[in-house]
N, C-alpha and C. Protein backbone atom coordinates (compact mmCIF):
# COMPACT_ATOMS: atom_id res chain seq x y z
N THR A 1 -1.93 4.31 -20.24
CA THR A 1 -2.59 3.47 -19.26
C THR A 1 -2.29 3.97 -17.85
N VAL A 2 -3.17 3.65 -16.93
CA VAL A 2 -3.01 4.05 -15.54
C VAL A 2 -2.43 2.87 -14.76
N SER A 3 -1.39 3.15 -14.00
CA SER A 3 -0.80 2.07 -13.20
C SER A 3 -1.64 1.83 -11.96
N LEU A 4 -1.46 0.68 -11.37
CA LEU A 4 -2.19 0.32 -10.16
C LEU A 4 -1.89 1.30 -9.04
N LEU A 5 -0.65 1.73 -8.93
CA LEU A 5 -0.29 2.68 -7.87
C LEU A 5 -0.94 4.04 -8.09
N ASP A 6 -1.09 4.46 -9.36
CA ASP A 6 -1.75 5.72 -9.65
C ASP A 6 -3.24 5.65 -9.27
N ALA A 7 -3.81 4.46 -9.40
CA ALA A 7 -5.23 4.27 -9.11
C ALA A 7 -5.48 3.98 -7.63
N LEU A 8 -4.43 3.86 -6.84
CA LEU A 8 -4.55 3.51 -5.43
C LEU A 8 -5.57 4.34 -4.66
N PRO A 9 -5.63 5.67 -4.86
CA PRO A 9 -6.62 6.47 -4.10
C PRO A 9 -8.06 6.04 -4.31
N ILE A 10 -8.37 5.42 -5.43
CA ILE A 10 -9.73 4.97 -5.71
C ILE A 10 -10.15 3.89 -4.73
N TYR A 11 -9.21 3.08 -4.28
CA TYR A 11 -9.51 1.93 -3.43
C TYR A 11 -9.47 2.24 -1.94
N VAL A 12 -8.96 3.40 -1.59
CA VAL A 12 -8.84 3.77 -0.18
C VAL A 12 -10.20 4.22 0.35
N LYS A 13 -10.59 3.65 1.49
CA LYS A 13 -11.81 4.06 2.17
C LYS A 13 -11.38 4.81 3.42
N TYR A 14 -11.59 6.10 3.41
CA TYR A 14 -11.15 6.95 4.52
C TYR A 14 -11.91 6.54 5.78
N PRO A 15 -11.22 6.09 6.83
CA PRO A 15 -11.92 5.67 8.05
C PRO A 15 -12.74 6.82 8.65
N LYS A 16 -13.97 6.50 9.04
CA LYS A 16 -14.89 7.51 9.56
C LYS A 16 -14.32 8.22 10.78
N SER A 17 -13.69 7.45 11.68
CA SER A 17 -13.12 8.06 12.89
C SER A 17 -12.04 9.08 12.54
N ALA A 18 -11.23 8.77 11.54
CA ALA A 18 -10.16 9.69 11.12
C ALA A 18 -10.76 10.93 10.47
N GLN A 19 -11.85 10.75 9.71
CA GLN A 19 -12.53 11.90 9.10
C GLN A 19 -13.08 12.82 10.19
N GLU A 20 -13.74 12.21 11.18
CA GLU A 20 -14.35 12.99 12.26
C GLU A 20 -13.30 13.75 13.07
N ASN A 21 -12.12 13.15 13.22
CA ASN A 21 -11.04 13.78 13.99
C ASN A 21 -10.18 14.72 13.14
N GLY A 22 -10.45 14.75 11.83
CA GLY A 22 -9.66 15.59 10.94
C GLY A 22 -8.25 15.07 10.72
N THR A 23 -8.06 13.77 10.90
CA THR A 23 -6.73 13.16 10.76
C THR A 23 -6.37 13.00 9.30
N GLN A 24 -5.19 13.50 8.92
CA GLN A 24 -4.69 13.40 7.56
C GLN A 24 -3.22 12.98 7.63
N GLY A 25 -2.70 12.56 6.50
CA GLY A 25 -1.27 12.25 6.45
C GLY A 25 -0.94 11.20 5.42
N LYS A 26 0.31 10.79 5.45
CA LYS A 26 0.83 9.83 4.49
C LYS A 26 1.36 8.62 5.25
N VAL A 27 0.75 7.47 5.02
CA VAL A 27 1.18 6.22 5.63
C VAL A 27 2.09 5.52 4.62
N VAL A 28 3.29 5.14 5.05
CA VAL A 28 4.20 4.42 4.17
C VAL A 28 4.16 2.95 4.55
N VAL A 29 3.84 2.11 3.57
CA VAL A 29 3.76 0.67 3.78
C VAL A 29 4.89 0.01 3.00
N GLN A 30 5.64 -0.85 3.69
CA GLN A 30 6.70 -1.60 3.02
C GLN A 30 6.23 -3.04 2.87
N PHE A 31 6.59 -3.66 1.76
CA PHE A 31 6.19 -5.04 1.49
C PHE A 31 7.16 -5.67 0.50
N VAL A 32 7.00 -6.96 0.32
CA VAL A 32 7.83 -7.70 -0.63
C VAL A 32 6.91 -8.28 -1.69
N VAL A 33 7.30 -8.11 -2.96
CA VAL A 33 6.62 -8.80 -4.05
C VAL A 33 7.36 -10.12 -4.23
N ASP A 34 6.66 -11.21 -3.95
CA ASP A 34 7.26 -12.54 -3.99
C ASP A 34 7.50 -12.99 -5.44
N THR A 35 8.15 -14.11 -5.59
CA THR A 35 8.50 -14.61 -6.92
C THR A 35 7.28 -14.93 -7.77
N ASP A 36 6.11 -15.13 -7.13
CA ASP A 36 4.88 -15.38 -7.90
C ASP A 36 4.04 -14.11 -8.08
N GLY A 37 4.57 -12.96 -7.63
CA GLY A 37 3.87 -11.69 -7.79
C GLY A 37 2.97 -11.33 -6.62
N SER A 38 2.84 -12.23 -5.65
CA SER A 38 1.98 -11.93 -4.50
C SER A 38 2.69 -10.97 -3.55
N ILE A 39 1.89 -10.23 -2.79
CA ILE A 39 2.42 -9.28 -1.82
C ILE A 39 2.51 -9.97 -0.47
N ILE A 40 3.71 -9.95 0.11
CA ILE A 40 3.93 -10.60 1.40
C ILE A 40 4.67 -9.63 2.34
N ASN A 41 4.64 -9.95 3.61
CA ASN A 41 5.39 -9.21 4.63
C ASN A 41 5.10 -7.71 4.63
N ALA A 42 3.84 -7.34 4.44
CA ALA A 42 3.48 -5.92 4.45
C ALA A 42 3.42 -5.41 5.88
N TYR A 43 3.99 -4.23 6.10
CA TYR A 43 3.90 -3.60 7.42
C TYR A 43 4.03 -2.09 7.25
N VAL A 44 3.57 -1.38 8.27
CA VAL A 44 3.60 0.08 8.24
C VAL A 44 5.00 0.55 8.62
N LEU A 45 5.62 1.28 7.72
CA LEU A 45 6.96 1.82 7.93
C LEU A 45 6.87 3.20 8.58
N THR A 46 5.92 4.01 8.12
CA THR A 46 5.69 5.34 8.68
C THR A 46 4.21 5.44 9.05
N SER A 47 3.94 5.56 10.34
CA SER A 47 2.58 5.58 10.86
C SER A 47 2.05 7.00 10.96
N VAL A 48 0.72 7.13 10.82
CA VAL A 48 0.05 8.40 11.01
C VAL A 48 -0.95 8.27 12.15
N ASP A 49 -1.79 7.26 12.06
CA ASP A 49 -2.89 7.04 12.99
C ASP A 49 -3.27 5.56 12.86
N PRO A 50 -3.62 4.87 13.96
CA PRO A 50 -3.93 3.44 13.85
C PRO A 50 -4.99 3.11 12.80
N ASP A 51 -6.04 3.93 12.69
CA ASP A 51 -7.10 3.65 11.71
C ASP A 51 -6.61 3.84 10.28
N LEU A 52 -5.83 4.89 10.05
CA LEU A 52 -5.27 5.11 8.70
C LEU A 52 -4.25 4.03 8.36
N ASP A 53 -3.45 3.63 9.34
CA ASP A 53 -2.46 2.57 9.12
C ASP A 53 -3.15 1.27 8.71
N THR A 54 -4.22 0.94 9.43
CA THR A 54 -4.97 -0.29 9.12
C THR A 54 -5.55 -0.25 7.72
N GLU A 55 -6.09 0.89 7.32
CA GLU A 55 -6.68 1.02 5.98
C GLU A 55 -5.60 0.94 4.91
N ALA A 56 -4.46 1.56 5.14
CA ALA A 56 -3.36 1.50 4.16
C ALA A 56 -2.90 0.06 3.98
N LEU A 57 -2.76 -0.68 5.07
CA LEU A 57 -2.37 -2.09 4.96
C LEU A 57 -3.42 -2.91 4.22
N ARG A 58 -4.70 -2.65 4.50
CA ARG A 58 -5.77 -3.38 3.83
C ARG A 58 -5.69 -3.19 2.32
N VAL A 59 -5.50 -1.94 1.90
CA VAL A 59 -5.45 -1.63 0.48
C VAL A 59 -4.25 -2.32 -0.19
N ILE A 60 -3.09 -2.23 0.43
CA ILE A 60 -1.89 -2.84 -0.14
C ILE A 60 -2.04 -4.36 -0.22
N LYS A 61 -2.53 -4.97 0.85
CA LYS A 61 -2.67 -6.44 0.87
C LYS A 61 -3.73 -6.94 -0.10
N SER A 62 -4.69 -6.09 -0.48
CA SER A 62 -5.75 -6.53 -1.38
C SER A 62 -5.43 -6.27 -2.85
N MET A 63 -4.26 -5.71 -3.12
CA MET A 63 -3.90 -5.44 -4.51
C MET A 63 -3.72 -6.75 -5.29
N PRO A 64 -4.03 -6.72 -6.58
CA PRO A 64 -3.78 -7.92 -7.40
C PRO A 64 -2.29 -8.20 -7.49
N ARG A 65 -1.98 -9.37 -7.98
CA ARG A 65 -0.57 -9.77 -8.11
C ARG A 65 0.21 -8.79 -8.98
N TRP A 66 1.44 -8.56 -8.59
CA TRP A 66 2.35 -7.72 -9.34
C TRP A 66 3.17 -8.59 -10.28
N THR A 67 3.87 -7.94 -11.19
CA THR A 67 4.84 -8.66 -12.01
C THR A 67 6.10 -8.80 -11.17
N PRO A 68 6.55 -10.02 -10.92
CA PRO A 68 7.73 -10.19 -10.05
C PRO A 68 8.99 -9.62 -10.69
N GLY A 69 9.96 -9.31 -9.84
CA GLY A 69 11.25 -8.86 -10.34
C GLY A 69 11.98 -9.98 -11.04
N LYS A 70 12.90 -9.63 -11.89
CA LYS A 70 13.70 -10.64 -12.61
C LYS A 70 15.17 -10.33 -12.42
N GLN A 71 15.93 -11.39 -12.24
CA GLN A 71 17.38 -11.27 -12.17
C GLN A 71 17.96 -12.50 -12.85
N LYS A 72 18.76 -12.26 -13.87
CA LYS A 72 19.35 -13.35 -14.66
C LYS A 72 18.29 -14.33 -15.16
N GLY A 73 17.16 -13.76 -15.57
CA GLY A 73 16.09 -14.58 -16.16
C GLY A 73 15.21 -15.31 -15.16
N LYS A 74 15.46 -15.16 -13.89
CA LYS A 74 14.65 -15.84 -12.87
C LYS A 74 13.87 -14.82 -12.05
N ASN A 75 12.67 -15.24 -11.64
CA ASN A 75 11.87 -14.39 -10.77
C ASN A 75 12.54 -14.27 -9.41
N VAL A 76 12.56 -13.04 -8.87
CA VAL A 76 13.15 -12.79 -7.55
C VAL A 76 12.21 -11.93 -6.72
N ARG A 77 12.39 -12.00 -5.41
CA ARG A 77 11.63 -11.13 -4.51
C ARG A 77 12.18 -9.72 -4.58
N VAL A 78 11.26 -8.74 -4.50
CA VAL A 78 11.67 -7.33 -4.53
C VAL A 78 10.93 -6.60 -3.41
N LYS A 79 11.67 -5.79 -2.65
CA LYS A 79 11.09 -5.00 -1.57
C LYS A 79 10.65 -3.64 -2.11
N TYR A 80 9.45 -3.23 -1.71
CA TYR A 80 8.90 -1.94 -2.13
C TYR A 80 8.41 -1.17 -0.90
N ALA A 81 8.35 0.13 -1.04
CA ALA A 81 7.68 0.99 -0.06
C ALA A 81 6.75 1.90 -0.86
N VAL A 82 5.49 1.98 -0.42
CA VAL A 82 4.48 2.76 -1.11
C VAL A 82 3.83 3.72 -0.12
N SER A 83 3.63 4.96 -0.54
CA SER A 83 2.93 5.95 0.28
C SER A 83 1.45 5.91 -0.05
N VAL A 84 0.64 5.87 1.00
CA VAL A 84 -0.82 5.95 0.85
C VAL A 84 -1.21 7.27 1.51
N LYS A 85 -1.70 8.20 0.70
CA LYS A 85 -2.03 9.54 1.20
C LYS A 85 -3.49 9.65 1.60
N PHE A 86 -3.70 10.24 2.75
CA PHE A 86 -5.04 10.49 3.26
C PHE A 86 -5.20 12.00 3.39
N ARG A 87 -6.09 12.59 2.56
CA ARG A 87 -6.33 14.03 2.58
C ARG A 87 -7.83 14.27 2.63
N LEU A 88 -8.23 15.11 3.54
CA LEU A 88 -9.64 15.50 3.62
C LEU A 88 -9.89 16.65 2.65
N PRO A 89 -11.10 16.68 2.06
CA PRO A 89 -11.42 17.77 1.12
C PRO A 89 -11.47 19.13 1.81
């Protein structure tokens, strides 16, 4: 099976302005998976370009619920950092 993170590039819409400027790079977004699996407190940890940063945040925030972390049988919040890569052909 393909994980949601592996499929992430499918959901990224390369901003037109970044394409026109030839802007590429890797935006790192940090967020917390809450006890109900929702993504909260997402922010750009490593910036490339304002348009790419905005798109990376949009993609992360629009992801379906994750499976929450567990500790001693209870759901807990877990902090993650995910790289969203922008590469022109």
